[in-house]
Amino acid sequence: MNFKSPTIEEKLGKAYTEHNVFKRLELYISFYELLSFSIMHWITTGTTAMINIDTYAYSSIQGTLESIKMTLAKG
């Protein structure tokens, strides 16, 4: 008996796991990570926050894209 569970590629196929959407998601994740980090030192006007509030918004978008990528990767 073989109790080994099939891999994602075996379940979904190589065409699915190597689809262009995964490359695009990685590109967008990288973009929002860099954007979030690069604006961190700018002072937000109108608030007393120590860190730019937009940093939180962009890092949230990054996290959402990472979640989407993981969900798609798991099938």
N, C-alpha and C. Protein backbone atom coordinates (compact mmCIF):
# COMPACT_ATOMS: atom_id res chain seq x y z
N MET A 1 0.83 -1.19 0.00
CA MET A 1 0.00 0.00 0.00
C MET A 1 0.87 1.25 0.00
N ASN A 2 0.40 2.22 -0.71
CA ASN A 2 1.11 3.49 -0.78
C ASN A 2 0.28 4.56 -0.09
N PHE A 3 0.80 5.07 1.02
CA PHE A 3 0.08 6.08 1.79
C PHE A 3 0.56 7.49 1.50
N LYS A 4 1.41 7.63 0.52
CA LYS A 4 1.94 8.94 0.17
C LYS A 4 0.83 9.77 -0.48
N SER A 5 0.65 10.98 0.04
CA SER A 5 -0.37 11.85 -0.55
C SER A 5 0.19 12.50 -1.81
N PRO A 6 -0.66 12.70 -2.80
CA PRO A 6 -0.18 13.29 -4.06
C PRO A 6 0.23 14.75 -3.87
N THR A 7 1.21 15.17 -4.65
CA THR A 7 1.67 16.55 -4.60
C THR A 7 0.66 17.44 -5.31
N ILE A 8 0.82 18.74 -5.15
CA ILE A 8 -0.07 19.70 -5.81
C ILE A 8 0.03 19.54 -7.32
N GLU A 9 1.25 19.34 -7.83
CA GLU A 9 1.41 19.16 -9.28
C GLU A 9 0.68 17.92 -9.76
N GLU A 10 0.71 16.87 -8.97
CA GLU A 10 0.00 15.64 -9.35
C GLU A 10 -1.50 15.85 -9.32
N LYS A 11 -1.97 16.63 -8.37
CA LYS A 11 -3.41 16.89 -8.27
C LYS A 11 -3.90 17.84 -9.35
N LEU A 12 -3.19 18.94 -9.53
CA LEU A 12 -3.68 20.01 -10.40
C LEU A 12 -2.99 20.08 -11.76
N GLY A 13 -1.84 19.50 -11.87
CA GLY A 13 -1.11 19.54 -13.13
C GLY A 13 -0.08 20.65 -13.16
N LYS A 14 0.94 20.43 -13.94
CA LYS A 14 2.03 21.38 -14.04
C LYS A 14 1.58 22.69 -14.67
N ALA A 15 0.64 22.62 -15.61
CA ALA A 15 0.14 23.84 -16.26
C ALA A 15 -0.48 24.79 -15.23
N TYR A 16 -1.15 24.22 -14.22
CA TYR A 16 -1.77 25.05 -13.17
C TYR A 16 -0.71 25.66 -12.27
N THR A 17 0.22 24.83 -11.80
CA THR A 17 1.20 25.32 -10.82
C THR A 17 2.21 26.28 -11.42
N GLU A 18 2.38 26.25 -12.74
CA GLU A 18 3.32 27.17 -13.40
C GLU A 18 2.59 28.25 -14.18
N HIS A 19 1.33 28.47 -13.86
CA HIS A 19 0.54 29.48 -14.57
C HIS A 19 1.12 30.88 -14.34
N ASN A 20 0.91 31.74 -15.30
CA ASN A 20 1.44 33.11 -15.25
C ASN A 20 0.90 33.91 -14.06
N VAL A 21 -0.26 33.55 -13.55
CA VAL A 21 -0.85 34.32 -12.45
C VAL A 21 0.05 34.27 -11.20
N PHE A 22 0.77 33.17 -11.00
CA PHE A 22 1.65 33.06 -9.84
C PHE A 22 2.84 34.02 -9.98
N LYS A 23 3.35 34.15 -11.19
CA LYS A 23 4.45 35.10 -11.43
C LYS A 23 3.97 36.53 -11.23
N ARG A 24 2.77 36.82 -11.71
CA ARG A 24 2.20 38.16 -11.57
C ARG A 24 1.96 38.49 -10.10
N LEU A 25 1.41 37.55 -9.35
CA LEU A 25 1.17 37.78 -7.93
C LEU A 25 2.48 38.06 -7.21
N GLU A 26 3.52 37.32 -7.54
CA GLU A 26 4.82 37.54 -6.91
C GLU A 26 5.35 38.93 -7.25
N LEU A 27 5.13 39.37 -8.47
CA LEU A 27 5.54 40.72 -8.89
C LEU A 27 4.79 41.78 -8.08
N TYR A 28 3.48 41.62 -7.93
CA TYR A 28 2.69 42.59 -7.17
C TYR A 28 3.04 42.57 -5.69
N ILE A 29 3.29 41.40 -5.15
CA ILE A 29 3.70 41.28 -3.74
C ILE A 29 5.00 42.05 -3.51
N SER A 30 5.94 41.84 -4.39
CA SER A 30 7.23 42.54 -4.29
C SER A 30 7.05 44.05 -4.42
N PHE A 31 6.20 44.48 -5.36
CA PHE A 31 5.96 45.91 -5.56
C PHE A 31 5.40 46.56 -4.30
N TYR A 32 4.37 45.96 -3.70
CA TYR A 32 3.76 46.56 -2.51
C TYR A 32 4.68 46.49 -1.30
N GLU A 33 5.52 45.48 -1.23
CA GLU A 33 6.49 45.41 -0.14
C GLU A 33 7.50 46.55 -0.26
N LEU A 34 8.02 46.77 -1.46
CA LEU A 34 8.99 47.85 -1.67
C LEU A 34 8.34 49.22 -1.49
N LEU A 35 7.12 49.38 -1.98
CA LEU A 35 6.41 50.65 -1.84
C LEU A 35 6.16 50.97 -0.37
N SER A 36 5.71 49.97 0.37
CA SER A 36 5.44 50.15 1.79
C SER A 36 6.71 50.56 2.54
N PHE A 37 7.80 49.91 2.24
CA PHE A 37 9.05 50.21 2.92
C PHE A 37 9.60 51.58 2.52
N SER A 38 9.46 51.94 1.25
CA SER A 38 10.06 53.19 0.77
C SER A 38 9.35 54.44 1.27
N ILE A 39 8.07 54.35 1.62
CA ILE A 39 7.36 55.54 2.10
C ILE A 39 7.29 55.60 3.62
N MET A 40 7.87 54.63 4.29
CA MET A 40 7.77 54.56 5.74
C MET A 40 8.33 55.81 6.43
N HIS A 41 9.39 56.38 5.91
CA HIS A 41 10.05 57.51 6.57
C HIS A 41 9.37 58.86 6.28
N TRP A 42 8.46 58.91 5.34
CA TRP A 42 7.76 60.16 5.06
C TRP A 42 6.75 60.44 6.17
N ILE A 43 6.64 61.68 6.54
CA ILE A 43 5.72 62.06 7.61
C ILE A 43 4.32 62.24 7.04
N THR A 44 3.35 61.61 7.69
CA THR A 44 1.96 61.76 7.28
C THR A 44 1.43 63.08 7.82
N THR A 45 0.86 63.89 6.96
CA THR A 45 0.31 65.16 7.42
C THR A 45 -1.08 64.95 8.01
N GLY A 46 -1.37 65.69 9.04
CA GLY A 46 -2.69 65.63 9.66
C GLY A 46 -2.83 64.60 10.75
N THR A 47 -1.79 63.83 11.04
CA THR A 47 -1.85 62.85 12.13
C THR A 47 -0.60 62.99 12.99
N THR A 48 -0.65 62.37 14.14
CA THR A 48 0.51 62.38 15.03
C THR A 48 1.22 61.02 15.00
N ALA A 49 0.95 60.22 13.99
CA ALA A 49 1.54 58.89 13.89
C ALA A 49 3.05 58.98 13.66
N MET A 50 3.77 58.05 14.26
CA MET A 50 5.22 58.01 14.10
C MET A 50 5.62 57.46 12.73
N ILE A 51 4.83 56.53 12.22
CA ILE A 51 5.11 55.90 10.92
C ILE A 51 3.99 56.27 9.97
N ASN A 52 4.33 56.43 8.72
CA ASN A 52 3.36 56.78 7.70
C ASN A 52 2.22 55.76 7.69
N ILE A 53 0.99 56.23 7.78
CA ILE A 53 -0.18 55.37 7.82
C ILE A 53 -0.33 54.58 6.52
N ASP A 54 0.09 55.17 5.41
CA ASP A 54 -0.01 54.48 4.12
C ASP A 54 0.82 53.19 4.11
N THR A 55 1.87 53.15 4.91
CA THR A 55 2.69 51.95 5.02
C THR A 55 1.83 50.76 5.44
N TYR A 56 0.94 50.98 6.39
CA TYR A 56 0.05 49.91 6.85
C TYR A 56 -0.90 49.47 5.75
N ALA A 57 -1.41 50.41 4.99
CA ALA A 57 -2.33 50.07 3.90
C ALA A 57 -1.63 49.24 2.84
N TYR A 58 -0.44 49.66 2.44
CA TYR A 58 0.29 48.92 1.40
C TYR A 58 0.76 47.56 1.88
N SER A 59 1.16 47.46 3.13
CA SER A 59 1.57 46.15 3.64
C SER A 59 0.36 45.23 3.80
N SER A 60 -0.83 45.79 4.03
CA SER A 60 -2.05 44.99 4.07
C SER A 60 -2.38 44.44 2.69
N ILE A 61 -2.21 45.27 1.67
CA ILE A 61 -2.42 44.80 0.29
C ILE A 61 -1.43 43.68 -0.02
N GLN A 62 -0.19 43.86 0.40
CA GLN A 62 0.82 42.83 0.19
C GLN A 62 0.40 41.52 0.86
N GLY A 63 -0.05 41.60 2.10
CA GLY A 63 -0.49 40.41 2.82
C GLY A 63 -1.68 39.73 2.17
N THR A 64 -2.60 40.53 1.65
CA THR A 64 -3.76 39.97 0.96
C THR A 64 -3.33 39.22 -0.30
N LEU A 65 -2.41 39.80 -1.05
CA LEU A 65 -1.91 39.14 -2.26
C LEU A 65 -1.17 37.84 -1.91
N GLU A 66 -0.42 37.84 -0.82
CA GLU A 66 0.25 36.62 -0.38
C GLU A 66 -0.76 35.54 -0.01
N SER A 67 -1.85 35.93 0.64
CA SER A 67 -2.90 34.98 0.99
C SER A 67 -3.56 34.40 -0.25
N ILE A 68 -3.82 35.25 -1.23
CA ILE A 68 -4.41 34.78 -2.49
C ILE A 68 -3.48 33.79 -3.17
N LYS A 69 -2.19 34.11 -3.20
CA LYS A 69 -1.22 33.22 -3.83
C LYS A 69 -1.16 31.87 -3.12
N MET A 70 -1.15 31.88 -1.79
CA MET A 70 -1.11 30.62 -1.04
C MET A 70 -2.37 29.80 -1.26
N THR A 71 -3.52 30.47 -1.29
CA THR A 71 -4.78 29.77 -1.52
C THR A 71 -4.80 29.12 -2.89
N LEU A 72 -4.37 29.85 -3.90
CA LEU A 72 -4.31 29.29 -5.25
C LEU A 72 -3.30 28.15 -5.34
N ALA A 73 -2.18 28.29 -4.66
CA ALA A 73 -1.14 27.26 -4.71
C ALA A 73 -1.61 25.96 -4.06
N LYS A 74 -2.44 26.07 -3.04
CA LYS A 74 -2.96 24.88 -2.37
C LYS A 74 -4.09 24.21 -3.14
N GLY A 75 -4.65 24.95 -4.08
CA GLY A 75 -5.71 24.39 -4.92
C GLY A 75 -7.01 24.45 -4.24
